[in-house]
C-alpha cells in the first residue's frame, strides 16, 4: 500500500512539474503580415497589412486621405483646423463619417499629445517631415509614421499622394 501511495504521489508531482514547466514558456505569436511603404523622405515605413485607422497631423491631408482612399472610414484623427474646415465644407456631406475623427491628439502648432494618440491606437500616423522629435518618439512607441515633405506641387501630386495611396487598402494606388 505504501509503495502504491508513493508511486501515486510521484506521478502527481511529475504531472505538476510538467504543467508548471509549460507555464513559463511563451508561445511565439504568429508573425503579423505587413507591407513596406517609402514615405516622401525616403524612409521605409512598416505598416500592418490592413491599415484600420490613420491619424493625420498635416492640415490639408485628412481631405486628401479621403480623396485617395475613397472613404473616411479609417480617419481616426485629424488636425483641429482641418476639422473646423470640414465642418463648413461640402466634405461634411461627402464624408459624414469624418465627423467622428478626434482632434485632441494634435495641437494647433502640430505638436502631438502621445497619450491622446495612444487612446486612438491608429494603425499609422501621417506627420510633416520636419517633426523629427515626434517621429523619433512615435518610432519608439512603434507607431508606423509616414512623414510628408512640405515642398513643391510635384511632391504633393506624386510622392505624397502615392505614399498615402499605398497606405490605404487600395491596390491601384499611384506609384511615384
Foldseek 3Di string as FASTA:
>chain_A
DVVVVVVVVVVVVVVVVVVVVVVPDDDDDDDFAWDWFQALVRDTFTFGLAFQAEAEQDQPVLVLLCVLQVANRRHQAYAPVNLVVCVVDCVCVSYVVCPNHDHVQAYPVSDGNVVVVVVSVGRAYEEAPVPVVVVVVCVVVVHGYHHQYPDDPCSVPARRQQRSNVNHNDPPRGHD
